[in-house]
Amino acid sequence: MHAYRLYLFDFDYTLVNSEPAILKCFHITLQKLGYGDRTDDVIRVTIGLPMVEAVKKILPTDDEEEAKAFVRAYTPEADRYMTPGTTFFPHTVATLRRLRENGARIAIISNKTHHRIQEKFDLDGVPELIDLIIGSNDVEAHKPDPTGLLTALEHFQIAKEDALYIGDSFVDAEAARNAGLDFAGVTTGTTSHETLASYPHVAIFDDIAELVTTLQD
């Protein structure tokens, strides 16, 4: 795998483990609204989806307004618990730092809200590692729609062949394919190696640190 000029990353399950915080916020909101609880597994497999789509699967419901009402009730819980309950994976910061030292630009394209992602980098004192964040509130269409990825390319004025998208989910793999970008998968989420490998890809890693070591090989 060659070195790219621009590295685009997903956030949840790719750079961070936000699972404990997400599960907590869903459990609280489900009970608060009287739905009764759901198992961790039911919630876990929706992490990385656009929030309204995740809620529709968890409740389950096809009612858009019901799902949006749930999101409104969920938001104050996320304000309280999300960032403190989110941790970078062990090699995330070092990997991003090495890519920056090598002259690459770095962006995050996520179905999570922009301010929530920024909050994590600020809290850990490493906001300089990221050049651009495109969250769910920054674009009308969410992954697997390619809008966020294409918006980042336009922002940096970088050609598709000079950019790589890294993510943990089939949603990320589909977004990269839809954007015509190279894709590298990481198996730190709930999507299996086999599923990730079924999409066009340049590499699949078990640890994000392999992104840098692969470039050095």
N, C-alpha and C. Protein backbone atom coordinates (compact mmCIF):
# COMPACT_ATOMS: atom_id res chain seq x y z
N MET A 1 0.86 -1.20 0.00
CA MET A 1 0.00 0.00 0.00
C MET A 1 0.88 1.24 0.00
N HIS A 2 0.62 2.15 -0.93
CA HIS A 2 1.47 3.34 -1.02
C HIS A 2 1.01 4.43 -0.06
N ALA A 3 1.84 5.41 0.14
CA ALA A 3 1.49 6.55 1.00
C ALA A 3 0.52 7.46 0.24
N TYR A 4 -0.49 7.93 0.95
CA TYR A 4 -1.49 8.83 0.38
C TYR A 4 -1.25 10.24 0.90
N ARG A 5 -1.80 11.22 0.20
CA ARG A 5 -1.69 12.62 0.66
C ARG A 5 -2.78 12.97 1.67
N LEU A 6 -3.91 12.24 1.59
CA LEU A 6 -5.05 12.53 2.46
C LEU A 6 -5.60 11.23 3.03
N TYR A 7 -5.73 11.20 4.36
CA TYR A 7 -6.32 10.04 5.04
C TYR A 7 -7.63 10.47 5.68
N LEU A 8 -8.69 9.82 5.25
CA LEU A 8 -10.03 10.10 5.76
C LEU A 8 -10.43 8.95 6.68
N PHE A 9 -10.86 9.28 7.88
CA PHE A 9 -11.19 8.26 8.86
C PHE A 9 -12.65 8.34 9.29
N ASP A 10 -13.24 7.18 9.51
CA ASP A 10 -14.45 7.09 10.30
C ASP A 10 -14.05 7.37 11.75
N PHE A 11 -15.02 7.50 12.65
CA PHE A 11 -14.72 7.83 14.05
C PHE A 11 -15.01 6.66 14.99
N ASP A 12 -16.29 6.37 15.22
CA ASP A 12 -16.67 5.30 16.15
C ASP A 12 -16.17 3.95 15.67
N TYR A 13 -15.51 3.22 16.56
CA TYR A 13 -14.97 1.88 16.30
C TYR A 13 -13.77 1.89 15.36
N THR A 14 -13.41 3.05 14.82
CA THR A 14 -12.23 3.15 13.95
C THR A 14 -11.10 3.85 14.70
N LEU A 15 -11.38 5.05 15.21
CA LEU A 15 -10.40 5.78 16.01
C LEU A 15 -10.65 5.65 17.50
N VAL A 16 -11.91 5.46 17.86
CA VAL A 16 -12.29 5.43 19.29
C VAL A 16 -13.19 4.25 19.60
N ASN A 17 -13.20 3.88 20.88
CA ASN A 17 -14.20 2.95 21.39
C ASN A 17 -15.23 3.76 22.17
N SER A 18 -16.34 4.01 21.54
CA SER A 18 -17.43 4.76 22.17
C SER A 18 -18.57 3.83 22.58
N GLU A 19 -18.34 2.53 22.42
CA GLU A 19 -19.42 1.56 22.67
C GLU A 19 -20.02 1.69 24.07
N PRO A 20 -19.22 1.74 25.16
CA PRO A 20 -19.82 1.82 26.49
C PRO A 20 -20.73 3.04 26.66
N ALA A 21 -20.30 4.17 26.12
CA ALA A 21 -21.10 5.39 26.24
C ALA A 21 -22.38 5.31 25.42
N ILE A 22 -22.27 4.78 24.21
CA ILE A 22 -23.46 4.66 23.35
C ILE A 22 -24.47 3.71 23.97
N LEU A 23 -24.00 2.56 24.45
CA LEU A 23 -24.91 1.61 25.09
C LEU A 23 -25.61 2.26 26.28
N LYS A 24 -24.86 2.97 27.10
CA LYS A 24 -25.42 3.62 28.28
C LYS A 24 -26.50 4.61 27.90
N CYS A 25 -26.22 5.45 26.89
CA CYS A 25 -27.18 6.48 26.48
C CYS A 25 -28.46 5.86 25.91
N PHE A 26 -28.31 4.77 25.16
CA PHE A 26 -29.49 4.10 24.63
C PHE A 26 -30.31 3.44 25.74
N HIS A 27 -29.65 2.75 26.66
CA HIS A 27 -30.39 2.11 27.76
C HIS A 27 -31.17 3.13 28.57
N ILE A 28 -30.54 4.24 28.89
CA ILE A 28 -31.21 5.29 29.68
C ILE A 28 -32.41 5.84 28.92
N THR A 29 -32.22 6.15 27.64
CA THR A 29 -33.28 6.77 26.85
C THR A 29 -34.45 5.81 26.62
N LEU A 30 -34.15 4.55 26.35
CA LEU A 30 -35.21 3.55 26.18
C LEU A 30 -36.10 3.48 27.41
N GLN A 31 -35.46 3.46 28.58
CA GLN A 31 -36.23 3.36 29.82
C GLN A 31 -36.96 4.67 30.13
N LYS A 32 -36.29 5.78 29.84
CA LYS A 32 -36.88 7.09 30.09
C LYS A 32 -38.17 7.29 29.29
N LEU A 33 -38.18 6.77 28.07
CA LEU A 33 -39.34 6.93 27.19
C LEU A 33 -40.34 5.78 27.32
N GLY A 34 -40.03 4.81 28.18
CA GLY A 34 -40.98 3.73 28.43
C GLY A 34 -40.99 2.62 27.41
N TYR A 35 -39.91 2.48 26.64
CA TYR A 35 -39.86 1.41 25.64
C TYR A 35 -39.48 0.06 26.25
N GLY A 36 -38.88 0.08 27.44
CA GLY A 36 -38.27 -1.14 27.94
C GLY A 36 -36.90 -1.28 27.31
N ASP A 37 -36.06 -2.09 27.92
CA ASP A 37 -34.67 -2.15 27.48
C ASP A 37 -34.50 -3.04 26.26
N ARG A 38 -33.35 -2.91 25.63
CA ARG A 38 -32.92 -3.77 24.53
C ARG A 38 -31.58 -4.36 24.92
N THR A 39 -31.21 -5.48 24.31
CA THR A 39 -29.91 -6.08 24.63
C THR A 39 -28.77 -5.24 24.04
N ASP A 40 -27.61 -5.40 24.64
CA ASP A 40 -26.43 -4.70 24.12
C ASP A 40 -26.20 -5.05 22.65
N ASP A 41 -26.40 -6.32 22.29
CA ASP A 41 -26.14 -6.75 20.92
C ASP A 41 -27.04 -6.05 19.91
N VAL A 42 -28.30 -5.83 20.29
CA VAL A 42 -29.24 -5.14 19.39
C VAL A 42 -28.76 -3.72 19.12
N ILE A 43 -28.24 -3.06 20.15
CA ILE A 43 -27.75 -1.69 20.02
C ILE A 43 -26.40 -1.67 19.31
N ARG A 44 -25.52 -2.57 19.69
CA ARG A 44 -24.13 -2.55 19.23
C ARG A 44 -24.02 -2.58 17.71
N VAL A 45 -24.83 -3.40 17.06
CA VAL A 45 -24.70 -3.55 15.61
C VAL A 45 -25.17 -2.33 14.83
N THR A 46 -25.79 -1.37 15.51
CA THR A 46 -26.24 -0.15 14.82
C THR A 46 -25.22 0.98 14.94
N ILE A 47 -24.17 0.79 15.72
CA ILE A 47 -23.17 1.85 15.91
C ILE A 47 -22.49 2.14 14.58
N GLY A 48 -22.49 3.41 14.20
CA GLY A 48 -21.93 3.82 12.91
C GLY A 48 -22.98 4.17 11.88
N LEU A 49 -24.23 3.72 12.11
CA LEU A 49 -25.32 4.11 11.23
C LEU A 49 -25.73 5.55 11.53
N PRO A 50 -26.36 6.23 10.57
CA PRO A 50 -26.99 7.51 10.91
C PRO A 50 -27.94 7.30 12.08
N MET A 51 -27.99 8.26 13.00
CA MET A 51 -28.68 8.08 14.27
C MET A 51 -30.15 7.67 14.10
N VAL A 52 -30.86 8.34 13.21
CA VAL A 52 -32.28 8.02 13.01
C VAL A 52 -32.44 6.59 12.52
N GLU A 53 -31.53 6.16 11.64
CA GLU A 53 -31.59 4.78 11.13
C GLU A 53 -31.30 3.78 12.25
N ALA A 54 -30.34 4.12 13.12
CA ALA A 54 -30.03 3.25 14.25
C ALA A 54 -31.25 3.09 15.16
N VAL A 55 -31.89 4.19 15.45
CA VAL A 55 -33.06 4.16 16.33
C VAL A 55 -34.18 3.32 15.72
N LYS A 56 -34.39 3.47 14.43
CA LYS A 56 -35.45 2.69 13.77
C LYS A 56 -35.22 1.19 13.92
N LYS A 57 -33.97 0.77 13.87
CA LYS A 57 -33.66 -0.65 14.01
C LYS A 57 -33.79 -1.11 15.46
N ILE A 58 -33.42 -0.24 16.39
CA ILE A 58 -33.42 -0.63 17.81
C ILE A 58 -34.84 -0.70 18.38
N LEU A 59 -35.73 0.21 17.99
CA LEU A 59 -37.04 0.26 18.66
C LEU A 59 -37.89 -1.01 18.44
N PRO A 60 -38.11 -1.59 17.30
CA PRO A 60 -37.93 -1.06 15.95
C PRO A 60 -39.17 -0.28 15.51
N THR A 61 -38.96 0.60 14.52
CA THR A 61 -40.08 1.36 13.97
C THR A 61 -39.72 1.85 12.58
N ASP A 62 -40.74 2.10 11.78
CA ASP A 62 -40.56 2.74 10.48
C ASP A 62 -40.98 4.21 10.53
N ASP A 63 -41.40 4.64 11.71
CA ASP A 63 -41.95 6.00 11.89
C ASP A 63 -40.81 7.00 12.07
N GLU A 64 -40.62 7.84 11.08
CA GLU A 64 -39.53 8.84 11.09
C GLU A 64 -39.66 9.79 12.27
N GLU A 65 -40.87 10.26 12.54
CA GLU A 65 -41.06 11.23 13.64
C GLU A 65 -40.81 10.58 15.00
N GLU A 66 -41.21 9.33 15.15
CA GLU A 66 -40.95 8.62 16.40
C GLU A 66 -39.44 8.48 16.63
N ALA A 67 -38.72 8.15 15.56
CA ALA A 67 -37.27 8.01 15.67
C ALA A 67 -36.61 9.35 16.00
N LYS A 68 -37.09 10.41 15.38
CA LYS A 68 -36.52 11.74 15.64
C LYS A 68 -36.81 12.19 17.08
N ALA A 69 -37.97 11.85 17.58
CA ALA A 69 -38.31 12.18 18.97
C ALA A 69 -37.38 11.44 19.93
N PHE A 70 -37.06 10.20 19.59
CA PHE A 70 -36.12 9.43 20.41
C PHE A 70 -34.75 10.11 20.42
N VAL A 71 -34.30 10.54 19.25
CA VAL A 71 -32.99 11.21 19.15
C VAL A 71 -32.96 12.47 20.02
N ARG A 72 -34.07 13.21 20.02
CA ARG A 72 -34.13 14.43 20.86
C ARG A 72 -34.00 14.08 22.34
N ALA A 73 -34.60 12.97 22.75
CA ALA A 73 -34.51 12.55 24.15
C ALA A 73 -33.13 11.97 24.47
N TYR A 74 -32.49 11.41 23.48
CA TYR A 74 -31.17 10.80 23.63
C TYR A 74 -30.08 11.87 23.79
N THR A 75 -30.25 13.00 23.12
CA THR A 75 -29.19 14.01 23.03
C THR A 75 -28.70 14.51 24.40
N PRO A 76 -29.58 14.85 25.35
CA PRO A 76 -29.05 15.30 26.65
C PRO A 76 -28.28 14.21 27.39
N GLU A 77 -28.62 12.95 27.17
CA GLU A 77 -27.84 11.86 27.77
C GLU A 77 -26.46 11.79 27.13
N ALA A 78 -26.43 11.96 25.81
CA ALA A 78 -25.14 11.97 25.11
C ALA A 78 -24.29 13.17 25.54
N ASP A 79 -24.95 14.31 25.76
CA ASP A 79 -24.21 15.49 26.24
C ASP A 79 -23.50 15.19 27.56
N ARG A 80 -24.14 14.38 28.36
CA ARG A 80 -23.60 14.07 29.69
C ARG A 80 -22.55 12.96 29.67
N TYR A 81 -22.81 11.91 28.90
CA TYR A 81 -22.00 10.69 29.03
C TYR A 81 -21.08 10.37 27.84
N MET A 82 -21.37 10.92 26.65
CA MET A 82 -20.69 10.42 25.45
C MET A 82 -19.18 10.65 25.45
N THR A 83 -18.76 11.89 25.54
CA THR A 83 -17.32 12.16 25.43
C THR A 83 -16.52 11.59 26.60
N PRO A 84 -16.98 11.76 27.85
CA PRO A 84 -16.23 11.16 28.95
C PRO A 84 -16.14 9.63 28.86
N GLY A 85 -17.12 9.00 28.21
CA GLY A 85 -17.15 7.55 28.11
C GLY A 85 -16.53 7.01 26.83
N THR A 86 -15.90 7.88 26.04
CA THR A 86 -15.29 7.49 24.78
C THR A 86 -13.77 7.51 24.93
N THR A 87 -13.10 6.45 24.51
CA THR A 87 -11.65 6.38 24.62
C THR A 87 -11.02 6.11 23.25
N PHE A 88 -9.88 6.76 22.99
CA PHE A 88 -9.12 6.43 21.79
C PHE A 88 -8.61 5.01 21.90
N PHE A 89 -8.60 4.29 20.80
CA PHE A 89 -7.93 3.00 20.78
C PHE A 89 -6.44 3.22 21.07
N PRO A 90 -5.75 2.21 21.60
CA PRO A 90 -4.38 2.40 22.09
C PRO A 90 -3.41 3.06 21.12
N HIS A 91 -3.53 2.78 19.81
CA HIS A 91 -2.54 3.30 18.85
C HIS A 91 -3.07 4.43 17.97
N THR A 92 -4.26 4.94 18.28
CA THR A 92 -4.87 5.97 17.43
C THR A 92 -4.03 7.23 17.37
N VAL A 93 -3.73 7.80 18.51
CA VAL A 93 -3.05 9.10 18.55
C VAL A 93 -1.67 9.00 17.90
N ALA A 94 -0.93 7.95 18.21
CA ALA A 94 0.41 7.78 17.63
C ALA A 94 0.34 7.61 16.12
N THR A 95 -0.68 6.89 15.64
CA THR A 95 -0.83 6.69 14.20
C THR A 95 -1.14 7.99 13.49
N LEU A 96 -2.08 8.76 14.03
CA LEU A 96 -2.42 10.05 13.42
C LEU A 96 -1.21 10.98 13.44
N ARG A 97 -0.47 10.96 14.54
CA ARG A 97 0.69 11.83 14.65
C ARG A 97 1.75 11.47 13.61
N ARG A 98 1.96 10.16 13.41
CA ARG A 98 2.96 9.73 12.43
C ARG A 98 2.54 10.13 11.00
N LEU A 99 1.27 9.98 10.69
CA LEU A 99 0.80 10.39 9.37
C LEU A 99 1.01 11.88 9.15
N ARG A 100 0.74 12.68 10.18
CA ARG A 100 0.97 14.13 10.09
C ARG A 100 2.44 14.45 9.89
N GLU A 101 3.29 13.73 10.62
CA GLU A 101 4.75 13.95 10.49
C GLU A 101 5.24 13.61 9.09
N ASN A 102 4.55 12.70 8.43
CA ASN A 102 4.90 12.32 7.06
C ASN A 102 4.31 13.27 6.02
N GLY A 103 3.62 14.32 6.49
CA GLY A 103 3.11 15.35 5.58
C GLY A 103 1.71 15.14 5.07
N ALA A 104 1.01 14.14 5.59
CA ALA A 104 -0.36 13.86 5.12
C ALA A 104 -1.36 14.77 5.81
N ARG A 105 -2.47 14.98 5.13
CA ARG A 105 -3.61 15.67 5.74
C ARG A 105 -4.57 14.62 6.28
N ILE A 106 -5.32 14.99 7.33
CA ILE A 106 -6.19 14.03 8.01
C ILE A 106 -7.57 14.64 8.23
N ALA A 107 -8.59 13.88 7.89
CA ALA A 107 -9.97 14.32 8.11
C ALA A 107 -10.79 13.17 8.68
N ILE A 108 -11.86 13.52 9.36
CA ILE A 108 -12.80 12.53 9.88
C ILE A 108 -14.14 12.73 9.19
N ILE A 109 -14.67 11.66 8.64
CA ILE A 109 -15.99 11.67 8.00
C ILE A 109 -16.85 10.68 8.77
N SER A 110 -17.82 11.17 9.51
CA SER A 110 -18.55 10.30 10.44
C SER A 110 -20.04 10.60 10.43
N ASN A 111 -20.81 9.60 10.81
CA ASN A 111 -22.24 9.80 11.02
C ASN A 111 -22.54 10.32 12.42
N LYS A 112 -21.49 10.60 13.20
CA LYS A 112 -21.63 11.24 14.50
C LYS A 112 -21.62 12.76 14.29
N THR A 113 -22.16 13.51 15.25
CA THR A 113 -22.19 14.96 15.08
C THR A 113 -20.79 15.56 15.20
N HIS A 114 -20.58 16.63 14.47
CA HIS A 114 -19.28 17.31 14.39
C HIS A 114 -18.76 17.69 15.78
N HIS A 115 -19.62 18.34 16.59
CA HIS A 115 -19.12 18.86 17.86
C HIS A 115 -18.73 17.76 18.82
N ARG A 116 -19.38 16.59 18.70
CA ARG A 116 -19.06 15.48 19.58
C ARG A 116 -17.65 14.94 19.28
N ILE A 117 -17.31 14.90 18.00
CA ILE A 117 -15.97 14.45 17.59
C ILE A 117 -14.92 15.46 18.04
N GLN A 118 -15.19 16.74 17.77
CA GLN A 118 -14.26 17.80 18.16
C GLN A 118 -14.02 17.79 19.67
N GLU A 119 -15.08 17.56 20.41
CA GLU A 119 -15.03 17.53 21.87
C GLU A 119 -14.02 16.49 22.37
N LYS A 120 -13.98 15.34 21.72
CA LYS A 120 -13.06 14.27 22.15
C LYS A 120 -11.61 14.68 21.92
N PHE A 121 -11.31 15.23 20.76
CA PHE A 121 -9.94 15.65 20.49
C PHE A 121 -9.52 16.80 21.40
N ASP A 122 -10.46 17.69 21.69
CA ASP A 122 -10.16 18.80 22.61
C ASP A 122 -9.91 18.29 24.02
N LEU A 123 -10.77 17.37 24.48
CA LEU A 123 -10.65 16.85 25.85
C LEU A 123 -9.31 16.16 26.07
N ASP A 124 -8.83 15.46 25.03
CA ASP A 124 -7.56 14.74 25.15
C ASP A 124 -6.36 15.59 24.75
N GLY A 125 -6.61 16.84 24.40
CA GLY A 125 -5.51 17.76 24.12
C GLY A 125 -4.78 17.51 22.82
N VAL A 126 -5.47 16.97 21.82
CA VAL A 126 -4.79 16.69 20.54
C VAL A 126 -5.59 17.22 19.33
N PRO A 127 -6.19 18.41 19.42
CA PRO A 127 -6.99 18.90 18.29
C PRO A 127 -6.16 19.15 17.03
N GLU A 128 -4.85 19.32 17.20
CA GLU A 128 -3.98 19.62 16.06
C GLU A 128 -3.80 18.43 15.12
N LEU A 129 -4.24 17.25 15.55
CA LEU A 129 -4.07 16.06 14.71
C LEU A 129 -5.06 15.99 13.56
N ILE A 130 -6.11 16.79 13.62
CA ILE A 130 -7.18 16.72 12.62
C ILE A 130 -7.29 18.04 11.85
N ASP A 131 -7.30 17.93 10.51
CA ASP A 131 -7.44 19.12 9.66
C ASP A 131 -8.89 19.47 9.38
N LEU A 132 -9.76 18.46 9.39
CA LEU A 132 -11.15 18.69 8.99
C LEU A 132 -12.03 17.61 9.62
N ILE A 133 -13.19 18.03 10.09
CA ILE A 133 -14.22 17.10 10.56
C ILE A 133 -15.49 17.35 9.75
N ILE A 134 -16.04 16.30 9.20
CA ILE A 134 -17.35 16.38 8.55
C ILE A 134 -18.26 15.40 9.29
N GLY A 135 -19.13 15.94 10.12
CA GLY A 135 -20.04 15.12 10.91
C GLY A 135 -21.42 15.05 10.28
N SER A 136 -22.32 14.39 10.99
CA SER A 136 -23.66 14.15 10.45
C SER A 136 -24.44 15.44 10.22
N ASN A 137 -24.11 16.48 11.00
CA ASN A 137 -24.83 17.75 10.85
C ASN A 137 -24.19 18.66 9.81
N ASP A 138 -23.12 18.21 9.16
CA ASP A 138 -22.44 19.02 8.16
C ASP A 138 -22.87 18.71 6.73
N VAL A 139 -23.56 17.60 6.54
CA VAL A 139 -24.01 17.19 5.20
C VAL A 139 -25.46 16.73 5.27
N GLU A 140 -26.15 16.86 4.18
CA GLU A 140 -27.55 16.45 4.12
C GLU A 140 -27.69 14.94 4.03
N ALA A 141 -26.78 14.30 3.29
CA ALA A 141 -26.85 12.86 3.07
C ALA A 141 -25.70 12.18 3.82
N HIS A 142 -26.00 11.09 4.49
CA HIS A 142 -25.03 10.44 5.37
C HIS A 142 -24.53 9.12 4.77
N LYS A 143 -23.35 8.69 5.22
CA LYS A 143 -22.80 7.42 4.74
C LYS A 143 -23.84 6.30 4.89
N PRO A 144 -23.95 5.42 3.89
CA PRO A 144 -23.00 5.17 2.81
C PRO A 144 -23.07 6.13 1.61
N ASP A 145 -23.89 7.16 1.67
CA ASP A 145 -23.83 8.20 0.64
C ASP A 145 -22.41 8.79 0.65
N PRO A 146 -21.83 9.08 -0.52
CA PRO A 146 -20.44 9.54 -0.58
C PRO A 146 -20.25 11.03 -0.36
N THR A 147 -21.32 11.78 -0.07
CA THR A 147 -21.22 13.24 -0.01
C THR A 147 -20.11 13.72 0.92
N GLY A 148 -20.04 13.15 2.13
CA GLY A 148 -19.02 13.60 3.08
C GLY A 148 -17.61 13.40 2.56
N LEU A 149 -17.36 12.25 1.96
CA LEU A 149 -16.03 11.95 1.42
C LEU A 149 -15.69 12.88 0.26
N LEU A 150 -16.63 13.09 -0.62
CA LEU A 150 -16.38 13.96 -1.77
C LEU A 150 -16.22 15.41 -1.35
N THR A 151 -16.93 15.82 -0.30
CA THR A 151 -16.78 17.17 0.24
C THR A 151 -15.37 17.39 0.77
N ALA A 152 -14.82 16.37 1.42
CA ALA A 152 -13.45 16.46 1.95
C ALA A 152 -12.43 16.58 0.81
N LEU A 153 -12.61 15.81 -0.23
CA LEU A 153 -11.70 15.90 -1.39
C LEU A 153 -11.72 17.29 -1.98
N GLU A 154 -12.91 17.84 -2.09
CA GLU A 154 -13.04 19.19 -2.64
C GLU A 154 -12.38 20.23 -1.73
N HIS A 155 -12.56 20.04 -0.42
CA HIS A 155 -11.97 20.97 0.55
C HIS A 155 -10.45 21.02 0.41
N PHE A 156 -9.82 19.87 0.26
CA PHE A 156 -8.36 19.81 0.20
C PHE A 156 -7.82 19.94 -1.23
N GLN A 157 -8.74 19.89 -2.21
CA GLN A 157 -8.34 19.92 -3.62
C GLN A 157 -7.34 18.80 -3.91
N ILE A 158 -7.70 17.60 -3.47
CA ILE A 158 -6.86 16.42 -3.65
C ILE A 158 -7.61 15.40 -4.51
N ALA A 159 -6.89 14.80 -5.44
CA ALA A 159 -7.49 13.83 -6.36
C ALA A 159 -7.84 12.54 -5.64
N LYS A 160 -8.82 11.82 -6.18
CA LYS A 160 -9.29 10.58 -5.54
C LYS A 160 -8.16 9.57 -5.33
N GLU A 161 -7.26 9.48 -6.31
CA GLU A 161 -6.21 8.47 -6.20
C GLU A 161 -5.19 8.79 -5.10
N ASP A 162 -5.23 10.00 -4.56
CA ASP A 162 -4.31 10.41 -3.51
C ASP A 162 -4.95 10.35 -2.12
N ALA A 163 -6.15 9.76 -2.03
CA ALA A 163 -6.87 9.72 -0.75
C ALA A 163 -7.26 8.28 -0.41
N LEU A 164 -7.27 8.00 0.89
CA LEU A 164 -7.67 6.70 1.41
C LEU A 164 -8.70 6.89 2.50
N TYR A 165 -9.77 6.09 2.47
CA TYR A 165 -10.76 6.12 3.54
C TYR A 165 -10.60 4.88 4.40
N ILE A 166 -10.54 5.08 5.72
CA ILE A 166 -10.34 3.99 6.67
C ILE A 166 -11.57 3.91 7.57
N GLY A 167 -12.17 2.72 7.66
CA GLY A 167 -13.34 2.56 8.51
C GLY A 167 -13.52 1.11 8.94
N ASP A 168 -14.42 0.92 9.91
CA ASP A 168 -14.61 -0.40 10.51
C ASP A 168 -15.85 -1.13 10.00
N SER A 169 -16.68 -0.44 9.24
CA SER A 169 -18.02 -0.95 8.97
C SER A 169 -18.28 -1.14 7.49
N PHE A 170 -19.25 -2.03 7.20
CA PHE A 170 -19.72 -2.17 5.83
C PHE A 170 -20.27 -0.84 5.31
N VAL A 171 -20.78 0.00 6.22
CA VAL A 171 -21.26 1.34 5.82
C VAL A 171 -20.10 2.16 5.26
N ASP A 172 -18.93 2.07 5.90
CA ASP A 172 -17.75 2.79 5.43
C ASP A 172 -17.25 2.23 4.11
N ALA A 173 -17.24 0.91 4.01
CA ALA A 173 -16.80 0.27 2.76
C ALA A 173 -17.70 0.68 1.60
N GLU A 174 -19.00 0.74 1.84
CA GLU A 174 -19.95 1.16 0.80
C GLU A 174 -19.74 2.63 0.44
N ALA A 175 -19.49 3.46 1.45
CA ALA A 175 -19.27 4.88 1.20
C ALA A 175 -18.04 5.10 0.33
N ALA A 176 -16.95 4.38 0.64
CA ALA A 176 -15.73 4.50 -0.15
C ALA A 176 -15.97 4.04 -1.58
N ARG A 177 -16.67 2.91 -1.73
CA ARG A 177 -16.98 2.41 -3.07
C ARG A 177 -17.83 3.42 -3.83
N ASN A 178 -18.82 3.99 -3.16
CA ASN A 178 -19.70 4.96 -3.82
C ASN A 178 -18.97 6.23 -4.22
N ALA A 179 -17.91 6.55 -3.46
CA ALA A 179 -17.12 7.76 -3.76
C ALA A 179 -16.00 7.48 -4.76
N GLY A 180 -15.73 6.21 -5.04
CA GLY A 180 -14.62 5.86 -5.92
C GLY A 180 -13.27 6.01 -5.26
N LEU A 181 -13.22 5.82 -3.92
CA LEU A 181 -11.98 5.97 -3.17
C LEU A 181 -11.43 4.62 -2.74
N ASP A 182 -10.11 4.56 -2.59
CA ASP A 182 -9.49 3.39 -1.98
C ASP A 182 -9.99 3.26 -0.54
N PHE A 183 -10.12 2.01 -0.08
CA PHE A 183 -10.65 1.74 1.25
C PHE A 183 -9.75 0.79 2.00
N ALA A 184 -9.51 1.09 3.28
CA ALA A 184 -8.84 0.16 4.19
C ALA A 184 -9.78 -0.10 5.36
N GLY A 185 -10.00 -1.36 5.67
CA GLY A 185 -10.89 -1.72 6.76
C GLY A 185 -10.11 -2.02 8.03
N VAL A 186 -10.74 -1.75 9.17
CA VAL A 186 -10.19 -2.16 10.46
C VAL A 186 -11.26 -3.00 11.16
N THR A 187 -10.81 -4.05 11.83
CA THR A 187 -11.75 -5.03 12.41
C THR A 187 -12.06 -4.74 13.86
N THR A 188 -11.97 -3.47 14.24
CA THR A 188 -12.21 -3.08 15.64
C THR A 188 -13.68 -2.77 15.92
N GLY A 189 -14.53 -2.95 14.92
CA GLY A 189 -15.96 -2.73 15.10
C GLY A 189 -16.72 -4.05 15.09
N THR A 190 -17.96 -4.00 14.65
CA THR A 190 -18.81 -5.20 14.65
C THR A 190 -18.91 -5.86 13.28
N THR A 191 -18.30 -5.24 12.25
CA THR A 191 -18.30 -5.85 10.92
C THR A 191 -17.12 -6.81 10.81
N SER A 192 -17.37 -8.02 10.35
CA SER A 192 -16.34 -9.05 10.31
C SER A 192 -15.30 -8.78 9.23
N HIS A 193 -14.14 -9.41 9.39
CA HIS A 193 -13.08 -9.34 8.38
C HIS A 193 -13.63 -9.82 7.03
N GLU A 194 -14.40 -10.89 7.06
CA GLU A 194 -14.94 -11.47 5.82
C GLU A 194 -15.86 -10.48 5.10
N THR A 195 -16.70 -9.80 5.86
CA THR A 195 -17.60 -8.83 5.24
C THR A 195 -16.83 -7.65 4.66
N LEU A 196 -15.87 -7.13 5.42
CA LEU A 196 -15.05 -6.03 4.92
C LEU A 196 -14.32 -6.45 3.65
N ALA A 197 -13.81 -7.68 3.65
CA ALA A 197 -13.03 -8.18 2.51
C ALA A 197 -13.88 -8.38 1.26
N SER A 198 -15.20 -8.43 1.44
CA SER A 198 -16.09 -8.62 0.28
C SER A 198 -16.26 -7.33 -0.53
N TYR A 199 -15.78 -6.21 0.02
CA TYR A 199 -15.82 -4.93 -0.68
C TYR A 199 -14.44 -4.63 -1.28
N PRO A 200 -14.39 -3.75 -2.29
CA PRO A 200 -13.07 -3.34 -2.80
C PRO A 200 -12.24 -2.74 -1.66
N HIS A 201 -10.99 -3.16 -1.54
CA HIS A 201 -10.14 -2.67 -0.45
C HIS A 201 -8.67 -2.80 -0.82
N VAL A 202 -7.86 -1.98 -0.19
CA VAL A 202 -6.40 -2.08 -0.37
C VAL A 202 -5.77 -2.82 0.79
N ALA A 203 -6.46 -2.87 1.92
CA ALA A 203 -5.94 -3.57 3.10
C ALA A 203 -7.06 -3.73 4.13
N ILE A 204 -6.89 -4.72 4.99
CA ILE A 204 -7.76 -4.87 6.16
C ILE A 204 -6.85 -5.10 7.36
N PHE A 205 -7.01 -4.28 8.39
CA PHE A 205 -6.14 -4.32 9.56
C PHE A 205 -6.91 -4.78 10.79
N ASP A 206 -6.18 -5.41 11.69
CA ASP A 206 -6.74 -5.71 13.01
C ASP A 206 -6.47 -4.58 13.99
N ASP A 207 -5.48 -3.74 13.68
CA ASP A 207 -5.08 -2.63 14.55
C ASP A 207 -4.73 -1.45 13.66
N ILE A 208 -5.20 -0.28 14.01
CA ILE A 208 -4.97 0.89 13.17
C ILE A 208 -3.49 1.21 13.02
N ALA A 209 -2.64 0.75 13.98
CA ALA A 209 -1.21 0.98 13.88
C ALA A 209 -0.62 0.36 12.62
N GLU A 210 -1.27 -0.69 12.10
CA GLU A 210 -0.80 -1.35 10.88
C GLU A 210 -0.87 -0.42 9.68
N LEU A 211 -1.65 0.62 9.76
CA LEU A 211 -1.71 1.59 8.67
C LEU A 211 -0.34 2.21 8.42
N VAL A 212 0.36 2.55 9.51
CA VAL A 212 1.68 3.16 9.38
C VAL A 212 2.74 2.11 9.06
N THR A 213 2.71 0.96 9.72
CA THR A 213 3.73 -0.06 9.47
C THR A 213 3.63 -0.59 8.05
N THR A 214 2.43 -0.66 7.49
CA THR A 214 2.26 -1.11 6.11
C THR A 214 2.89 -0.13 5.14
N LEU A 215 2.75 1.16 5.43
CA LEU A 215 3.33 2.18 4.57
C LEU A 215 4.85 2.12 4.59
N GLN A 216 5.41 1.64 5.70
CA GLN A 216 6.86 1.59 5.84
C GLN A 216 7.45 0.34 5.20
N ASP A 217 6.61 -0.66 4.93
CA ASP A 217 7.13 -1.92 4.37
C ASP A 217 7.55 -1.75 2.91
